[in-house]
Amino acid sequence: MCGVKETQCTHCSHLQVCSYKEKYLDAQKAVDNIMVHTGDRSAIYLRDISWIRPVLLECSYFSGKAPVMRDTMQSAALTAAQASGLRFMEDPT
């Protein structure tokens, strides 16, 4: 397995403050390194068996990040729409 593996932590809003991140990543690394012994005195990594899907652990504290708007025109339109929705609270007199 080459490169960097993207995990659930990558997309979690708790990424910077999580106290479970290291344990989660260690557990995922252990799962990635599981070997299955074949009948002929050899072994193969579970991840290398083509008919088995990759095993990805799920954290029960996962909270997805909110999408970030990068287009200022969309952001301005959304702000205007939100402001117009709040006008019902104004005093009509």
PDB file of N, CA and C in Angstrom:
ATOM      1  N   MET A   1       0.847  -1.165   0.000  1.00  0.00           N
ATOM      2  CA  MET A   1       0.000   0.000   0.000  1.00  0.00           C
ATOM      3  C   MET A   1       0.896   1.233   0.000  1.00  0.00           C
ATOM      4  N   CYS A   2       0.747   2.070  -0.990  1.00  0.00           N
ATOM      5  CA  CYS A   2       1.613   3.236  -1.135  1.00  0.00           C
ATOM      6  C   CYS A   2       0.843   4.517  -0.874  1.00  0.00           C
ATOM      7  N   GLY A   3       1.556   5.558  -0.492  1.00  0.00           N
ATOM      8  CA  GLY A   3       0.940   6.862  -0.346  1.00  0.00           C
ATOM      9  C   GLY A   3       0.234   7.042   0.976  1.00  0.00           C
ATOM     10  N   VAL A   4      -0.581   8.074   1.018  1.00  0.00           N
ATOM     11  CA  VAL A   4      -1.315   8.432   2.224  1.00  0.00           C
ATOM     12  C   VAL A   4      -2.747   7.939   2.094  1.00  0.00           C
ATOM     13  N   LYS A   5      -3.239   7.310   3.145  1.00  0.00           N
ATOM     14  CA  LYS A   5      -4.598   6.795   3.137  1.00  0.00           C
ATOM     15  C   LYS A   5      -5.527   7.806   3.794  1.00  0.00           C
ATOM     16  N   GLU A   6      -6.620   8.114   3.136  1.00  0.00           N
ATOM     17  CA  GLU A   6      -7.610   9.025   3.690  1.00  0.00           C
ATOM     18  C   GLU A   6      -8.526   8.235   4.613  1.00  0.00           C
ATOM     19  N   THR A   7      -8.713   8.743   5.824  1.00  0.00           N
ATOM     20  CA  THR A   7      -9.578   8.071   6.793  1.00  0.00           C
ATOM     21  C   THR A   7     -10.754   8.972   7.147  1.00  0.00           C
ATOM     22  N   GLN A   8     -11.605   8.491   8.006  1.00  0.00           N
ATOM     23  CA  GLN A   8     -12.739   9.261   8.473  1.00  0.00           C
ATOM     24  C   GLN A   8     -12.268  10.540   9.174  1.00  0.00           C
ATOM     25  N   CYS A   9     -11.125  10.489   9.813  1.00  0.00           N
ATOM     26  CA  CYS A   9     -10.588  11.660  10.518  1.00  0.00           C
ATOM     27  C   CYS A   9     -10.403  12.844   9.578  1.00  0.00           C
ATOM     28  N   THR A  10     -10.053  12.576   8.343  1.00  0.00           N
ATOM     29  CA  THR A  10      -9.798  13.631   7.371  1.00  0.00           C
ATOM     30  C   THR A  10     -11.002  14.548   7.212  1.00  0.00           C
ATOM     31  N   HIS A  11     -12.195  14.007   7.327  1.00  0.00           N
ATOM     32  CA  HIS A  11     -13.422  14.767   7.082  1.00  0.00           C
ATOM     33  C   HIS A  11     -14.209  15.051   8.363  1.00  0.00           C
ATOM     34  N   CYS A  12     -13.571  14.943   9.501  1.00  0.00           N
ATOM     35  CA  CYS A  12     -14.263  15.118  10.779  1.00  0.00           C
ATOM     36  C   CYS A  12     -14.040  16.532  11.328  1.00  0.00           C
ATOM     37  N   SER A  13     -15.093  17.115  11.883  1.00  0.00           N
ATOM     38  CA  SER A  13     -14.978  18.458  12.457  1.00  0.00           C
ATOM     39  C   SER A  13     -14.174  18.455  13.763  1.00  0.00           C
ATOM     40  N   HIS A  14     -13.971  17.292  14.353  1.00  0.00           N
ATOM     41  CA  HIS A  14     -13.201  17.184  15.604  1.00  0.00           C
ATOM     42  C   HIS A  14     -11.707  16.974  15.370  1.00  0.00           C
ATOM     43  N   LEU A  15     -11.265  17.023  14.133  1.00  0.00           N
ATOM     44  CA  LEU A  15      -9.888  16.657  13.772  1.00  0.00           C
ATOM     45  C   LEU A  15      -8.831  17.312  14.660  1.00  0.00           C
ATOM     46  N   GLN A  16      -8.962  18.592  14.919  1.00  0.00           N
ATOM     47  CA  GLN A  16      -7.929  19.317  15.668  1.00  0.00           C
ATOM     48  C   GLN A  16      -7.962  19.044  17.175  1.00  0.00           C
ATOM     49  N   VAL A  17      -9.082  18.585  17.707  1.00  0.00           N
ATOM     50  CA  VAL A  17      -9.215  18.426  19.162  1.00  0.00           C
ATOM     51  C   VAL A  17      -9.483  16.989  19.597  1.00  0.00           C
ATOM     52  N   CYS A  18      -9.497  16.053  18.663  1.00  0.00           N
ATOM     53  CA  CYS A  18      -9.881  14.678  18.962  1.00  0.00           C
ATOM     54  C   CYS A  18      -8.862  13.979  19.859  1.00  0.00           C
ATOM     55  N   SER A  19      -9.351  13.340  20.902  1.00  0.00           N
ATOM     56  CA  SER A  19      -8.467  12.591  21.789  1.00  0.00           C
ATOM     57  C   SER A  19      -8.381  11.118  21.388  1.00  0.00           C
ATOM     58  N   TYR A  20      -9.188  10.707  20.406  1.00  0.00           N
ATOM     59  CA  TYR A  20      -9.204   9.312  19.961  1.00  0.00           C
ATOM     60  C   TYR A  20      -8.469   9.099  18.640  1.00  0.00           C
ATOM     61  N   LYS A  21      -8.015  10.176  18.005  1.00  0.00           N
ATOM     62  CA  LYS A  21      -7.455  10.096  16.657  1.00  0.00           C
ATOM     63  C   LYS A  21      -6.281   9.115  16.559  1.00  0.00           C
ATOM     64  N   GLU A  22      -5.332   9.210  17.467  1.00  0.00           N
ATOM     65  CA  GLU A  22      -4.152   8.334  17.396  1.00  0.00           C
ATOM     66  C   GLU A  22      -4.537   6.868  17.566  1.00  0.00           C
ATOM     67  N   LYS A  23      -5.434   6.589  18.511  1.00  0.00           N
ATOM     68  CA  LYS A  23      -5.881   5.203  18.726  1.00  0.00           C
ATOM     69  C   LYS A  23      -6.642   4.694  17.508  1.00  0.00           C
ATOM     70  N   TYR A  24      -7.479   5.558  16.922  1.00  0.00           N
ATOM     71  CA  TYR A  24      -8.236   5.185  15.724  1.00  0.00           C
ATOM     72  C   TYR A  24      -7.283   4.857  14.577  1.00  0.00           C
ATOM     73  N   LEU A  25      -6.295   5.724  14.353  1.00  0.00           N
ATOM     74  CA  LEU A  25      -5.345   5.501  13.258  1.00  0.00           C
ATOM     75  C   LEU A  25      -4.501   4.253  13.497  1.00  0.00           C
ATOM     76  N   ASP A  26      -4.117   4.001  14.758  1.00  0.00           N
ATOM     77  CA  ASP A  26      -3.372   2.778  15.082  1.00  0.00           C
ATOM     78  C   ASP A  26      -4.219   1.540  14.820  1.00  0.00           C
ATOM     79  N   ALA A  27      -5.501   1.601  15.192  1.00  0.00           N
ATOM     80  CA  ALA A  27      -6.401   0.462  14.960  1.00  0.00           C
ATOM     81  C   ALA A  27      -6.589   0.226  13.462  1.00  0.00           C
ATOM     82  N   GLN A  28      -6.736   1.306  12.678  1.00  0.00           N
ATOM     83  CA  GLN A  28      -6.898   1.159  11.230  1.00  0.00           C
ATOM     84  C   GLN A  28      -5.631   0.572  10.610  1.00  0.00           C
ATOM     85  N   LYS A  29      -4.477   0.991  11.108  1.00  0.00           N
ATOM     86  CA  LYS A  29      -3.211   0.455  10.594  1.00  0.00           C
ATOM     87  C   LYS A  29      -3.102  -1.040  10.900  1.00  0.00           C
ATOM     88  N   ALA A  30      -3.557  -1.442  12.093  1.00  0.00           N
ATOM     89  CA  ALA A  30      -3.538  -2.862  12.460  1.00  0.00           C
ATOM     90  C   ALA A  30      -4.448  -3.662  11.533  1.00  0.00           C
ATOM     91  N   VAL A  31      -5.632  -3.124  11.229  1.00  0.00           N
ATOM     92  CA  VAL A  31      -6.559  -3.807  10.321  1.00  0.00           C
ATOM     93  C   VAL A  31      -5.945  -3.911   8.929  1.00  0.00           C
ATOM     94  N   ASP A  32      -5.262  -2.853   8.498  1.00  0.00           N
ATOM     95  CA  ASP A  32      -4.637  -2.857   7.174  1.00  0.00           C
ATOM     96  C   ASP A  32      -3.523  -3.901   7.063  1.00  0.00           C
ATOM     97  N   ASN A  33      -2.933  -4.275   8.193  1.00  0.00           N
ATOM     98  CA  ASN A  33      -1.812  -5.215   8.173  1.00  0.00           C
ATOM     99  C   ASN A  33      -2.198  -6.650   8.527  1.00  0.00           C
ATOM    100  N   ILE A  34      -3.488  -6.957   8.567  1.00  0.00           N
ATOM    101  CA  ILE A  34      -3.937  -8.322   8.851  1.00  0.00           C
ATOM    102  C   ILE A  34      -3.531  -9.238   7.697  1.00  0.00           C
ATOM    103  N   MET A  35      -2.973 -10.374   8.051  1.00  0.00           N
ATOM    104  CA  MET A  35      -2.571 -11.361   7.050  1.00  0.00           C
ATOM    105  C   MET A  35      -3.413 -12.615   7.208  1.00  0.00           C
ATOM    106  N   VAL A  36      -3.759 -13.198   6.073  1.00  0.00           N
ATOM    107  CA  VAL A  36      -4.533 -14.433   6.046  1.00  0.00           C
ATOM    108  C   VAL A  36      -3.594 -15.539   5.582  1.00  0.00           C
ATOM    109  N   HIS A  37      -3.512 -16.601   6.361  1.00  0.00           N
ATOM    110  CA  HIS A  37      -2.639 -17.718   6.002  1.00  0.00           C
ATOM    111  C   HIS A  37      -3.361 -18.631   5.012  1.00  0.00           C
ATOM    112  N   THR A  38      -2.656 -18.947   3.956  1.00  0.00           N
ATOM    113  CA  THR A  38      -3.210 -19.856   2.956  1.00  0.00           C
ATOM    114  C   THR A  38      -2.753 -21.274   3.283  1.00  0.00           C
ATOM    115  N   GLY A  39      -3.290 -22.250   2.599  1.00  0.00           N
ATOM    116  CA  GLY A  39      -2.984 -23.644   2.912  1.00  0.00           C
ATOM    117  C   GLY A  39      -1.578 -24.087   2.544  1.00  0.00           C
ATOM    118  N   ASP A  40      -0.867 -23.299   1.753  1.00  0.00           N
ATOM    119  CA  ASP A  40       0.462 -23.730   1.298  1.00  0.00           C
ATOM    120  C   ASP A  40       1.607 -23.024   2.031  1.00  0.00           C
ATOM    121  N   ARG A  41       1.432 -22.773   3.317  1.00  0.00           N
ATOM    122  CA  ARG A  41       2.438 -22.166   4.179  1.00  0.00           C
ATOM    123  C   ARG A  41       2.827 -20.745   3.770  1.00  0.00           C
ATOM    124  N   SER A  42       1.944 -20.079   3.088  1.00  0.00           N
ATOM    125  CA  SER A  42       2.186 -18.682   2.752  1.00  0.00           C
ATOM    126  C   SER A  42       1.044 -17.838   3.315  1.00  0.00           C
ATOM    127  N   ALA A  43       1.201 -16.550   3.214  1.00  0.00           N
ATOM    128  CA  ALA A  43       0.185 -15.640   3.735  1.00  0.00           C
ATOM    129  C   ALA A  43      -0.001 -14.492   2.754  1.00  0.00           C
ATOM    130  N   ILE A  44      -1.178 -13.897   2.808  1.00  0.00           N
ATOM    131  CA  ILE A  44      -1.493 -12.772   1.944  1.00  0.00           C
ATOM    132  C   ILE A  44      -2.196 -11.722   2.802  1.00  0.00           C
ATOM    133  N   TYR A  45      -1.898 -10.451   2.521  1.00  0.00           N
ATOM    134  CA  TYR A  45      -2.589  -9.389   3.238  1.00  0.00           C
ATOM    135  C   TYR A  45      -4.063  -9.408   2.877  1.00  0.00           C
ATOM    136  N   LEU A  46      -4.903  -9.159   3.860  1.00  0.00           N
ATOM    137  CA  LEU A  46      -6.342  -9.116   3.645  1.00  0.00           C
ATOM    138  C   LEU A  46      -6.689  -8.083   2.568  1.00  0.00           C
ATOM    139  N   ARG A  47      -5.969  -6.961   2.561  1.00  0.00           N
ATOM    140  CA  ARG A  47      -6.232  -5.897   1.584  1.00  0.00           C
ATOM    141  C   ARG A  47      -5.891  -6.305   0.157  1.00  0.00           C
ATOM    142  N   ASP A  48      -5.086  -7.372  -0.013  1.00  0.00           N
ATOM    143  CA  ASP A  48      -4.687  -7.821  -1.344  1.00  0.00           C
ATOM    144  C   ASP A  48      -5.603  -8.887  -1.922  1.00  0.00           C
ATOM    145  N   ILE A  49      -6.611  -9.293  -1.185  1.00  0.00           N
ATOM    146  CA  ILE A  49      -7.568 -10.267  -1.696  1.00  0.00           C
ATOM    147  C   ILE A  49      -8.602  -9.499  -2.508  1.00  0.00           C
ATOM    148  N   SER A  50      -8.659  -9.763  -3.800  1.00  0.00           N
ATOM    149  CA  SER A  50      -9.447  -8.944  -4.726  1.00  0.00           C
ATOM    150  C   SER A  50     -10.950  -8.984  -4.472  1.00  0.00           C
ATOM    151  N   TRP A  51     -11.459 -10.049  -3.935  1.00  0.00           N
ATOM    152  CA  TRP A  51     -12.900 -10.168  -3.763  1.00  0.00           C
ATOM    153  C   TRP A  51     -13.394  -9.735  -2.386  1.00  0.00           C
ATOM    154  N   ILE A  52     -12.503  -9.142  -1.570  1.00  0.00           N
ATOM    155  CA  ILE A  52     -12.883  -8.592  -0.264  1.00  0.00           C
ATOM    156  C   ILE A  52     -12.724  -7.078  -0.317  1.00  0.00           C
ATOM    157  N   ARG A  53     -13.767  -6.360   0.072  1.00  0.00           N
ATOM    158  CA  ARG A  53     -13.718  -4.902   0.092  1.00  0.00           C
ATOM    159  C   ARG A  53     -12.800  -4.435   1.218  1.00  0.00           C
ATOM    160  N   PRO A  54     -12.186  -3.269   1.039  1.00  0.00           N
ATOM    161  CA  PRO A  54     -11.330  -2.732   2.106  1.00  0.00           C
ATOM    162  C   PRO A  54     -12.120  -2.538   3.405  1.00  0.00           C
ATOM    163  N   VAL A  55     -11.471  -2.837   4.510  1.00  0.00           N
ATOM    164  CA  VAL A  55     -12.110  -2.696   5.819  1.00  0.00           C
ATOM    165  C   VAL A  55     -11.770  -1.311   6.353  1.00  0.00           C
ATOM    166  N   LEU A  56     -12.801  -0.486   6.522  1.00  0.00           N
ATOM    167  CA  LEU A  56     -12.621   0.859   7.056  1.00  0.00           C
ATOM    168  C   LEU A  56     -13.370   0.965   8.373  1.00  0.00           C
ATOM    169  N   LEU A  57     -12.656   1.311   9.413  1.00  0.00           N
ATOM    170  CA  LEU A  57     -13.275   1.458  10.725  1.00  0.00           C
ATOM    171  C   LEU A  57     -14.110   2.728  10.758  1.00  0.00           C
ATOM    172  N   GLU A  58     -15.155   2.725  11.573  1.00  0.00           N
ATOM    173  CA  GLU A  58     -16.013   3.895  11.730  1.00  0.00           C
ATOM    174  C   GLU A  58     -15.975   4.360  13.178  1.00  0.00           C
ATOM    175  N   CYS A  59     -15.705   5.637  13.361  1.00  0.00           N
ATOM    176  CA  CYS A  59     -15.665   6.225  14.697  1.00  0.00           C
ATOM    177  C   CYS A  59     -17.072   6.645  15.099  1.00  0.00           C
ATOM    178  N   SER A  60     -17.477   6.306  16.312  1.00  0.00           N
ATOM    179  CA  SER A  60     -18.820   6.658  16.769  1.00  0.00           C
ATOM    180  C   SER A  60     -18.941   8.146  17.099  1.00  0.00           C
ATOM    181  N   TYR A  61     -17.823   8.868  17.188  1.00  0.00           N
ATOM    182  CA  TYR A  61     -17.842  10.300  17.475  1.00  0.00           C
ATOM    183  C   TYR A  61     -17.675  11.146  16.211  1.00  0.00           C
ATOM    184  N   PHE A  62     -17.679  10.519  15.046  1.00  0.00           N
ATOM    185  CA  PHE A  62     -17.469  11.242  13.790  1.00  0.00           C
ATOM    186  C   PHE A  62     -18.543  12.304  13.586  1.00  0.00           C
ATOM    187  N   SER A  63     -18.108  13.490  13.212  1.00  0.00           N
ATOM    188  CA  SER A  63     -19.011  14.588  12.879  1.00  0.00           C
ATOM    189  C   SER A  63     -18.472  15.257  11.629  1.00  0.00           C
ATOM    190  N   GLY A  64     -19.188  15.118  10.538  1.00  0.00           N
ATOM    191  CA  GLY A  64     -18.720  15.640   9.263  1.00  0.00           C
ATOM    192  C   GLY A  64     -18.564  17.148   9.265  1.00  0.00           C
ATOM    193  N   LYS A  65     -17.559  17.612   8.528  1.00  0.00           N
ATOM    194  CA  LYS A  65     -17.338  19.054   8.387  1.00  0.00           C
ATOM    195  C   LYS A  65     -18.417  19.652   7.509  1.00  0.00           C
ATOM    196  N   ALA A  66     -18.796  20.884   7.821  1.00  0.00           N
ATOM    197  CA  ALA A  66     -19.748  21.601   6.977  1.00  0.00           C
ATOM    198  C   ALA A  66     -19.030  22.044   5.707  1.00  0.00           C
ATOM    199  N   PRO A  67     -19.702  21.978   4.568  1.00  0.00           N
ATOM    200  CA  PRO A  67     -19.052  22.401   3.328  1.00  0.00           C
ATOM    201  C   PRO A  67     -18.712  23.894   3.377  1.00  0.00           C
ATOM    202  N   VAL A  68     -17.605  24.250   2.759  1.00  0.00           N
ATOM    203  CA  VAL A  68     -17.143  25.635   2.729  1.00  0.00           C
ATOM    204  C   VAL A  68     -17.480  26.223   1.374  1.00  0.00           C
ATOM    205  N   MET A  69     -18.155  27.376   1.384  1.00  0.00           N
ATOM    206  CA  MET A  69     -18.463  28.040   0.120  1.00  0.00           C
ATOM    207  C   MET A  69     -17.265  28.870  -0.316  1.00  0.00           C
ATOM    208  N   ARG A  70     -16.783  28.618  -1.487  1.00  0.00           N
ATOM    209  CA  ARG A  70     -15.610  29.320  -1.975  1.00  0.00           C
ATOM    210  C   ARG A  70     -15.966  30.435  -2.957  1.00  0.00           C
ATOM    211  N   ASP A  71     -17.152  30.412  -3.494  1.00  0.00           N
ATOM    212  CA  ASP A  71     -17.561  31.419  -4.456  1.00  0.00           C
ATOM    213  C   ASP A  71     -18.226  32.572  -3.710  1.00  0.00           C
ATOM    214  N   THR A  72     -17.671  33.777  -3.818  1.00  0.00           N
ATOM    215  CA  THR A  72     -18.196  34.918  -3.081  1.00  0.00           C
ATOM    216  C   THR A  72     -19.579  35.320  -3.574  1.00  0.00           C
ATOM    217  N   MET A  73     -19.881  35.113  -4.849  1.00  0.00           N
ATOM    218  CA  MET A  73     -21.207  35.456  -5.377  1.00  0.00           C
ATOM    219  C   MET A  73     -22.268  34.560  -4.729  1.00  0.00           C
ATOM    220  N   GLN A  74     -21.976  33.271  -4.603  1.00  0.00           N
ATOM    221  CA  GLN A  74     -22.919  32.366  -3.959  1.00  0.00           C
ATOM    222  C   GLN A  74     -23.092  32.746  -2.496  1.00  0.00           C
ATOM    223  N   SER A  75     -22.013  33.104  -1.845  1.00  0.00           N
ATOM    224  CA  SER A  75     -22.054  33.470  -0.442  1.00  0.00           C
ATOM    225  C   SER A  75     -22.888  34.726  -0.236  1.00  0.00           C
ATOM    226  N   ALA A  76     -22.723  35.723  -1.108  1.00  0.00           N
ATOM    227  CA  ALA A  76     -23.478  36.966  -1.001  1.00  0.00           C
ATOM    228  C   ALA A  76     -24.961  36.713  -1.245  1.00  0.00           C
ATOM    229  N   ALA A  77     -25.289  35.869  -2.220  1.00  0.00           N
ATOM    230  CA  ALA A  77     -26.689  35.551  -2.508  1.00  0.00           C
ATOM    231  C   ALA A  77     -27.328  34.824  -1.334  1.00  0.00           C
ATOM    232  N   LEU A  78     -26.601  33.925  -0.723  1.00  0.00           N
ATOM    233  CA  LEU A  78     -27.122  33.194   0.427  1.00  0.00           C
ATOM    234  C   LEU A  78     -27.363  34.133   1.599  1.00  0.00           C
ATOM    235  N   THR A  79     -26.449  35.054   1.840  1.00  0.00           N
ATOM    236  CA  THR A  79     -26.597  36.010   2.934  1.00  0.00           C
ATOM    237  C   THR A  79     -27.819  36.886   2.704  1.00  0.00           C
ATOM    238  N   ALA A  80     -28.028  37.327   1.470  1.00  0.00           N
ATOM    239  CA  ALA A  80     -29.196  38.151   1.151  1.00  0.00           C
ATOM    240  C   ALA A  80     -30.490  37.364   1.363  1.00  0.00           C
ATOM    241  N   ALA A  81     -30.494  36.101   0.960  1.00  0.00           N
ATOM    242  CA  ALA A  81     -31.682  35.262   1.137  1.00  0.00           C
ATOM    243  C   ALA A  81     -31.969  35.038   2.614  1.00  0.00           C
ATOM    244  N   GLN A  82     -30.927  34.833   3.405  1.00  0.00           N
ATOM    245  CA  GLN A  82     -31.120  34.647   4.841  1.00  0.00           C
ATOM    246  C   GLN A  82     -31.645  35.924   5.483  1.00  0.00           C
ATOM    247  N   ALA A  83     -31.136  37.091   5.048  1.00  0.00           N
ATOM    248  CA  ALA A  83     -31.571  38.373   5.597  1.00  0.00           C
ATOM    249  C   ALA A  83     -33.035  38.630   5.265  1.00  0.00           C
ATOM    250  N   SER A  84     -33.456  38.292   4.044  1.00  0.00           N
ATOM    251  CA  SER A  84     -34.852  38.514   3.669  1.00  0.00           C
ATOM    252  C   SER A  84     -35.776  37.593   4.463  1.00  0.00           C
ATOM    253  N   GLY A  85     -35.291  36.445   4.852  1.00  0.00           N
ATOM    254  CA  GLY A  85     -36.083  35.521   5.649  1.00  0.00           C
ATOM    255  C   GLY A  85     -36.279  36.005   7.075  1.00  0.00           C
ATOM    256  N   LEU A  86     -35.435  36.907   7.538  1.00  0.00           N
ATOM    257  CA  LEU A  86     -35.526  37.415   8.908  1.00  0.00           C
ATOM    258  C   LEU A  86     -36.381  38.671   9.010  1.00  0.00           C
ATOM    259  N   ARG A  87     -36.863  39.196   7.908  1.00  0.00           N
ATOM    260  CA  ARG A  87     -37.633  40.438   7.930  1.00  0.00           C
ATOM    261  C   ARG A  87     -38.962  40.303   8.655  1.00  0.00           C
ATOM    262  N   PHE A  88     -39.474  39.111   8.774  1.00  0.00           N
ATOM    263  CA  PHE A  88     -40.749  38.927   9.470  1.00  0.00           C
ATOM    264  C   PHE A  88     -40.650  39.349  10.935  1.00  0.00           C
ATOM    265  N   MET A  89     -39.433  39.436  11.454  1.00  0.00           N
ATOM    266  CA  MET A  89     -39.248  39.807  12.845  1.00  0.00           C
ATOM    267  C   MET A  89     -39.248  41.328  13.037  1.00  0.00           C
ATOM    268  N   GLU A  90     -39.211  42.102  11.950  1.00  0.00           N
ATOM    269  CA  GLU A  90     -39.179  43.556  12.072  1.00  0.00           C
ATOM    270  C   GLU A  90     -40.541  44.081  12.524  1.00  0.00           C
ATOM    271  N   ASP A  91     -40.532  45.227  13.164  1.00  0.00           N
ATOM    272  CA  ASP A  91     -41.752  45.871  13.614  1.00  0.00           C
ATOM    273  C   ASP A  91     -42.450  46.491  12.401  1.00  0.00           C
ATOM    274  N   PRO A  92     -43.702  46.100  12.092  1.00  0.00           N
ATOM    275  CA  PRO A  92     -44.370  46.587  10.885  1.00  0.00           C
ATOM    276  C   PRO A  92     -44.820  48.041  10.985  1.00  0.00           C
ATOM    277  N   THR A  93     -44.784  48.674  12.161  1.00  0.00           N
ATOM    278  CA  THR A  93     -45.263  50.059  12.279  1.00  0.00           C
ATOM    279  C   THR A  93     -44.214  51.073  12.018  1.00  0.00           C
TER     280      THR A  93
END
